[in-house]
Amino acid sequence: MDQGLVSNPKDLERMQRELESLERRIGSLEDDELEVMEKLEEAQRALAHLDEQLRAHDERLAALAAERDRRFTEIDAELATVEGGRGAKVEGVPTDLLALYDKLRASKGGVGAAELRARQCGGCRLTLDNAELAVIARTPVDQVVRCEECSRILVRTPESGL
């Protein structure tokens, strides 16, 4: 245009409008590019922050898993000790009573026998009524008594309320 190669004034005017339009479009695209770059920087900062939080949570999770494993090891050792000492304690217990206890323990979440204390079953935590307590009181000491609600073996003690 500046060299005078275009002689038609309408073509020249049209080219100038197109040039102005392209310059506006370039300016608009540059503004859009700056906005995108700002959003990218914000997203990168947010990502860095979230990565830092993730690392912290991963470290905490690893520490908790190690603590859990350590405690499981302690519990397993204690369980082995308790189970090892069970043999001497069950000597003299009738096999049918021991079988009943083991069956109840398996079906009742590990508690096959419960203490009867203050008129309440230690397994289901329900208070026994007076009629039931009277039946238990008349039952011989060497006979097995079971809770009517949870079926666990009731262990009578001086605090039973009989």
C-alpha atoms as a PDB file:
ATOM      1  CA  MET A   1       0.000   0.000   0.000  1.00  0.00           C
ATOM      2  CA  ASP A   2       2.758   2.430   0.940  1.00  0.00           C
ATOM      3  CA  GLN A   3       4.642   1.689  -2.251  1.00  0.00           C
ATOM      4  CA  GLY A   4       1.749   2.877  -4.426  1.00  0.00           C
ATOM      5  CA  LEU A   5       1.115  -0.445  -6.085  1.00  0.00           C
ATOM      6  CA  VAL A   6      -2.625  -0.219  -5.429  1.00  0.00           C
ATOM      7  CA  SER A   7      -4.155   2.499  -7.543  1.00  0.00           C
ATOM      8  CA  ASN A   8      -7.867   1.927  -6.991  1.00  0.00           C
ATOM      9  CA  PRO A   9      -8.997   4.054  -4.006  1.00  0.00           C
ATOM     10  CA  LYS A  10     -11.790   1.605  -3.089  1.00  0.00           C
ATOM     11  CA  ASP A  11      -9.337  -1.280  -2.927  1.00  0.00           C
ATOM     12  CA  LEU A  12      -7.031   0.878  -0.857  1.00  0.00           C
ATOM     13  CA  GLU A  13      -9.829   1.814   1.545  1.00  0.00           C
ATOM     14  CA  ARG A  14     -10.964  -1.814   1.794  1.00  0.00           C
ATOM     15  CA  MET A  15      -7.408  -2.944   2.547  1.00  0.00           C
ATOM     16  CA  GLN A  16      -7.031  -0.297   5.255  1.00  0.00           C
ATOM     17  CA  ARG A  17     -10.288  -1.418   6.922  1.00  0.00           C
ATOM     18  CA  GLU A  18      -9.136  -5.022   6.732  1.00  0.00           C
ATOM     19  CA  LEU A  19      -5.775  -4.058   8.212  1.00  0.00           C
ATOM     20  CA  GLU A  20      -7.495  -2.192  11.060  1.00  0.00           C
ATOM     21  CA  SER A  21      -9.797  -5.173  11.627  1.00  0.00           C
ATOM     22  CA  LEU A  22      -6.831  -7.541  11.733  1.00  0.00           C
ATOM     23  CA  GLU A  23      -5.002  -5.249  14.174  1.00  0.00           C
ATOM     24  CA  ARG A  24      -8.092  -5.210  16.447  1.00  0.00           C
ATOM     25  CA  ARG A  25      -8.318  -8.999  16.161  1.00  0.00           C
ATOM     26  CA  ILE A  26      -4.621  -9.344  17.050  1.00  0.00           C
ATOM     27  CA  GLY A  27      -5.132  -7.088  20.084  1.00  0.00           C
ATOM     28  CA  SER A  28      -8.163  -9.125  21.169  1.00  0.00           C
ATOM     29  CA  LEU A  29      -6.259 -12.392  20.759  1.00  0.00           C
ATOM     30  CA  GLU A  30      -3.320 -11.013  22.744  1.00  0.00           C
ATOM     31  CA  ASP A  31      -5.712 -10.028  25.559  1.00  0.00           C
ATOM     32  CA  ASP A  32      -7.228 -13.508  25.449  1.00  0.00           C
ATOM     33  CA  GLU A  33      -3.745 -14.998  25.539  1.00  0.00           C
ATOM     34  CA  LEU A  34      -2.878 -12.943  28.640  1.00  0.00           C
ATOM     35  CA  GLU A  35      -6.070 -14.098  30.385  1.00  0.00           C
ATOM     36  CA  VAL A  36      -5.298 -17.719  29.534  1.00  0.00           C
ATOM     37  CA  MET A  37      -1.738 -17.298  30.808  1.00  0.00           C
ATOM     38  CA  GLU A  38      -3.038 -15.819  34.094  1.00  0.00           C
ATOM     39  CA  LYS A  39      -5.496 -18.691  34.494  1.00  0.00           C
ATOM     40  CA  LEU A  40      -2.702 -21.154  33.741  1.00  0.00           C
ATOM     41  CA  GLU A  41      -0.509 -19.590  36.435  1.00  0.00           C
ATOM     42  CA  GLU A  42      -3.383 -19.769  38.936  1.00  0.00           C
ATOM     43  CA  ALA A  43      -4.043 -23.398  38.016  1.00  0.00           C
ATOM     44  CA  GLN A  44      -0.339 -24.228  38.371  1.00  0.00           C
ATOM     45  CA  ARG A  45      -0.252 -22.596  41.821  1.00  0.00           C
ATOM     46  CA  ALA A  46      -3.383 -24.515  42.839  1.00  0.00           C
ATOM     47  CA  LEU A  47      -1.860 -27.749  41.489  1.00  0.00           C
ATOM     48  CA  ALA A  48       1.357 -27.156  43.424  1.00  0.00           C
ATOM     49  CA  HIS A  49      -0.665 -26.540  46.602  1.00  0.00           C
ATOM     50  CA  LEU A  50      -2.755 -29.677  46.054  1.00  0.00           C
ATOM     51  CA  ASP A  51       0.383 -31.714  45.314  1.00  0.00           C
ATOM     52  CA  GLU A  52       1.837 -30.503  48.608  1.00  0.00           C
ATOM     53  CA  GLN A  53      -1.346 -31.471  50.449  1.00  0.00           C
ATOM     54  CA  LEU A  54      -1.354 -34.863  48.731  1.00  0.00           C
ATOM     55  CA  ARG A  55       2.231 -35.511  49.793  1.00  0.00           C
ATOM     56  CA  ALA A  56       1.348 -34.542  53.371  1.00  0.00           C
ATOM     57  CA  HIS A  57      -1.687 -36.855  53.356  1.00  0.00           C
ATOM     58  CA  ASP A  58       0.374 -39.678  51.845  1.00  0.00           C
ATOM     59  CA  GLU A  59       2.981 -39.262  54.576  1.00  0.00           C
ATOM     60  CA  ARG A  60       0.259 -39.243  57.239  1.00  0.00           C
ATOM     61  CA  LEU A  61      -1.354 -42.320  55.693  1.00  0.00           C
ATOM     62  CA  ALA A  62       1.977 -44.143  55.651  1.00  0.00           C
ATOM     63  CA  ALA A  63       2.583 -43.235  59.300  1.00  0.00           C
ATOM     64  CA  LEU A  64      -0.904 -44.402  60.296  1.00  0.00           C
ATOM     65  CA  ALA A  65      -0.505 -47.637  58.338  1.00  0.00           C
ATOM     66  CA  ALA A  66       2.815 -48.297  60.085  1.00  0.00           C
ATOM     67  CA  GLU A  67       1.206 -47.616  63.482  1.00  0.00           C
ATOM     68  CA  ARG A  68      -1.725 -49.885  62.590  1.00  0.00           C
ATOM     69  CA  ASP A  69       0.650 -52.673  61.556  1.00  0.00           C
ATOM     70  CA  ARG A  70       2.657 -52.240  64.760  1.00  0.00           C
ATOM     71  CA  ARG A  71      -0.505 -52.472  66.852  1.00  0.00           C
ATOM     72  CA  PHE A  72      -1.717 -55.512  64.908  1.00  0.00           C
ATOM     73  CA  THR A  73       1.604 -57.181  65.689  1.00  0.00           C
ATOM     74  CA  GLU A  74       1.177 -56.366  69.387  1.00  0.00           C
ATOM     75  CA  ILE A  75      -2.410 -57.655  69.380  1.00  0.00           C
ATOM     76  CA  ASP A  76      -1.408 -60.836  67.564  1.00  0.00           C
ATOM     77  CA  ALA A  77       1.353 -61.442  70.109  1.00  0.00           C
ATOM     78  CA  GLU A  78      -1.048 -60.827  73.001  1.00  0.00           C
ATOM     79  CA  LEU A  79      -3.639 -63.105  71.398  1.00  0.00           C
ATOM     80  CA  ALA A  80      -1.059 -65.858  71.011  1.00  0.00           C
ATOM     81  CA  THR A  81      -0.136 -65.471  74.682  1.00  0.00           C
ATOM     82  CA  VAL A  82      -3.780 -65.592  75.785  1.00  0.00           C
ATOM     83  CA  GLU A  83      -4.567 -68.550  73.558  1.00  0.00           C
ATOM     84  CA  GLY A  84      -1.450 -70.314  74.834  1.00  0.00           C
ATOM     85  CA  GLY A  85      -2.606 -69.853  78.419  1.00  0.00           C
ATOM     86  CA  ARG A  86      -6.125 -71.057  77.640  1.00  0.00           C
ATOM     87  CA  GLY A  87      -5.143 -74.726  77.657  1.00  0.00           C
ATOM     88  CA  ALA A  88      -4.386 -74.802  81.368  1.00  0.00           C
ATOM     89  CA  LYS A  89      -7.524 -72.860  82.227  1.00  0.00           C
ATOM     90  CA  VAL A  90      -9.962 -75.105  80.377  1.00  0.00           C
ATOM     91  CA  GLU A  91      -8.713 -78.290  82.015  1.00  0.00           C
ATOM     92  CA  GLY A  92     -11.545 -79.825  83.941  1.00  0.00           C
ATOM     93  CA  VAL A  93     -14.235 -77.932  82.010  1.00  0.00           C
ATOM     94  CA  PRO A  94     -16.699 -80.394  80.481  1.00  0.00           C
ATOM     95  CA  THR A  95     -16.211 -80.759  76.740  1.00  0.00           C
ATOM     96  CA  ASP A  96     -19.897 -80.133  75.991  1.00  0.00           C
ATOM     97  CA  LEU A  97     -19.779 -76.826  77.910  1.00  0.00           C
ATOM     98  CA  LEU A  98     -16.559 -75.851  76.138  1.00  0.00           C
ATOM     99  CA  ALA A  99     -18.117 -76.709  72.763  1.00  0.00           C
ATOM    100  CA  LEU A 100     -21.202 -74.599  73.603  1.00  0.00           C
ATOM    101  CA  TYR A 101     -18.997 -71.707  74.671  1.00  0.00           C
ATOM    102  CA  ASP A 102     -16.907 -71.886  71.470  1.00  0.00           C
ATOM    103  CA  LYS A 103     -20.051 -72.052  69.334  1.00  0.00           C
ATOM    104  CA  LEU A 104     -21.583 -69.035  71.094  1.00  0.00           C
ATOM    105  CA  ARG A 105     -18.322 -67.129  70.920  1.00  0.00           C
ATOM    106  CA  ALA A 106     -18.130 -67.676  67.175  1.00  0.00           C
ATOM    107  CA  SER A 107     -21.713 -66.553  66.590  1.00  0.00           C
ATOM    108  CA  LYS A 108     -21.803 -63.662  69.099  1.00  0.00           C
ATOM    109  CA  GLY A 109     -18.821 -61.580  68.023  1.00  0.00           C
ATOM    110  CA  GLY A 110     -16.252 -63.248  70.273  1.00  0.00           C
ATOM    111  CA  VAL A 111     -18.296 -63.164  73.514  1.00  0.00           C
ATOM    112  CA  GLY A 112     -19.752 -66.538  74.427  1.00  0.00           C
ATOM    113  CA  ALA A 113     -20.236 -65.924  78.145  1.00  0.00           C
ATOM    114  CA  ALA A 114     -21.256 -62.763  79.951  1.00  0.00           C
ATOM    115  CA  GLU A 115     -21.292 -61.691  83.557  1.00  0.00           C
ATOM    116  CA  LEU A 116     -24.646 -61.273  85.279  1.00  0.00           C
ATOM    117  CA  ARG A 117     -24.159 -58.067  87.223  1.00  0.00           C
ATOM    118  CA  ALA A 118     -26.776 -55.898  88.905  1.00  0.00           C
ATOM    119  CA  ARG A 119     -29.554 -57.919  87.249  1.00  0.00           C
ATOM    120  CA  GLN A 120     -28.146 -57.129  83.812  1.00  0.00           C
ATOM    121  CA  CYS A 121     -26.627 -59.423  81.174  1.00  0.00           C
ATOM    122  CA  GLY A 122     -23.114 -58.273  80.319  1.00  0.00           C
ATOM    123  CA  GLY A 123     -23.537 -59.466  76.723  1.00  0.00           C
ATOM    124  CA  CYS A 124     -26.740 -57.815  75.522  1.00  0.00           C
ATOM    125  CA  ARG A 125     -26.918 -55.241  78.357  1.00  0.00           C
ATOM    126  CA  LEU A 126     -30.589 -55.978  78.997  1.00  0.00           C
ATOM    127  CA  THR A 127     -31.965 -56.092  82.531  1.00  0.00           C
ATOM    128  CA  LEU A 128     -33.491 -59.416  83.495  1.00  0.00           C
ATOM    129  CA  ASP A 129     -36.980 -59.376  85.013  1.00  0.00           C
ATOM    130  CA  ASN A 130     -37.710 -60.621  88.545  1.00  0.00           C
ATOM    131  CA  ALA A 131     -39.239 -63.921  87.411  1.00  0.00           C
ATOM    132  CA  GLU A 132     -36.180 -64.789  85.344  1.00  0.00           C
ATOM    133  CA  LEU A 133     -33.863 -63.811  88.208  1.00  0.00           C
ATOM    134  CA  ALA A 134     -35.860 -66.070  90.564  1.00  0.00           C
ATOM    135  CA  VAL A 135     -35.429 -69.021  88.177  1.00  0.00           C
ATOM    136  CA  ILE A 136     -31.680 -68.323  87.956  1.00  0.00           C
ATOM    137  CA  ALA A 137     -31.408 -68.053  91.746  1.00  0.00           C
ATOM    138  CA  ARG A 138     -33.064 -71.501  92.151  1.00  0.00           C
ATOM    139  CA  THR A 139     -30.816 -73.084  89.517  1.00  0.00           C
ATOM    140  CA  PRO A 140     -27.944 -75.130  91.003  1.00  0.00           C
ATOM    141  CA  VAL A 141     -24.503 -73.491  90.832  1.00  0.00           C
ATOM    142  CA  ASP A 142     -23.075 -76.288  88.677  1.00  0.00           C
ATOM    143  CA  GLN A 143     -25.801 -75.927  86.032  1.00  0.00           C
ATOM    144  CA  VAL A 144     -25.338 -73.659  82.992  1.00  0.00           C
ATOM    145  CA  VAL A 145     -27.643 -70.635  82.856  1.00  0.00           C
ATOM    146  CA  ARG A 146     -28.199 -68.731  79.601  1.00  0.00           C
ATOM    147  CA  CYS A 147     -29.628 -65.309  78.830  1.00  0.00           C
ATOM    148  CA  GLU A 148     -33.060 -65.551  77.226  1.00  0.00           C
ATOM    149  CA  GLU A 149     -32.362 -62.546  74.957  1.00  0.00           C
ATOM    150  CA  CYS A 150     -28.865 -63.158  73.572  1.00  0.00           C
ATOM    151  CA  SER A 151     -28.396 -66.879  74.479  1.00  0.00           C
ATOM    152  CA  ARG A 152     -24.978 -66.267  76.026  1.00  0.00           C
ATOM    153  CA  ILE A 153     -23.861 -68.251  79.055  1.00  0.00           C
ATOM    154  CA  LEU A 154     -24.479 -66.168  82.177  1.00  0.00           C
ATOM    155  CA  VAL A 155     -21.726 -66.174  84.779  1.00  0.00           C
ATOM    156  CA  ARG A 156     -23.180 -65.608  88.250  1.00  0.00           C
ATOM    157  CA  THR A 157     -21.181 -63.436  90.659  1.00  0.00           C
ATOM    158  CA  PRO A 158     -21.854 -61.861  94.058  1.00  0.00           C
ATOM    159  CA  GLU A 159     -22.866 -58.657  92.169  1.00  0.00           C
ATOM    160  CA  SER A 160     -25.519 -60.492  90.145  1.00  0.00           C
ATOM    161  CA  GLY A 161     -28.411 -59.206  92.227  1.00  0.00           C
ATOM    162  CA  LEU A 162     -29.780 -62.653  93.016  1.00  0.00           C
END
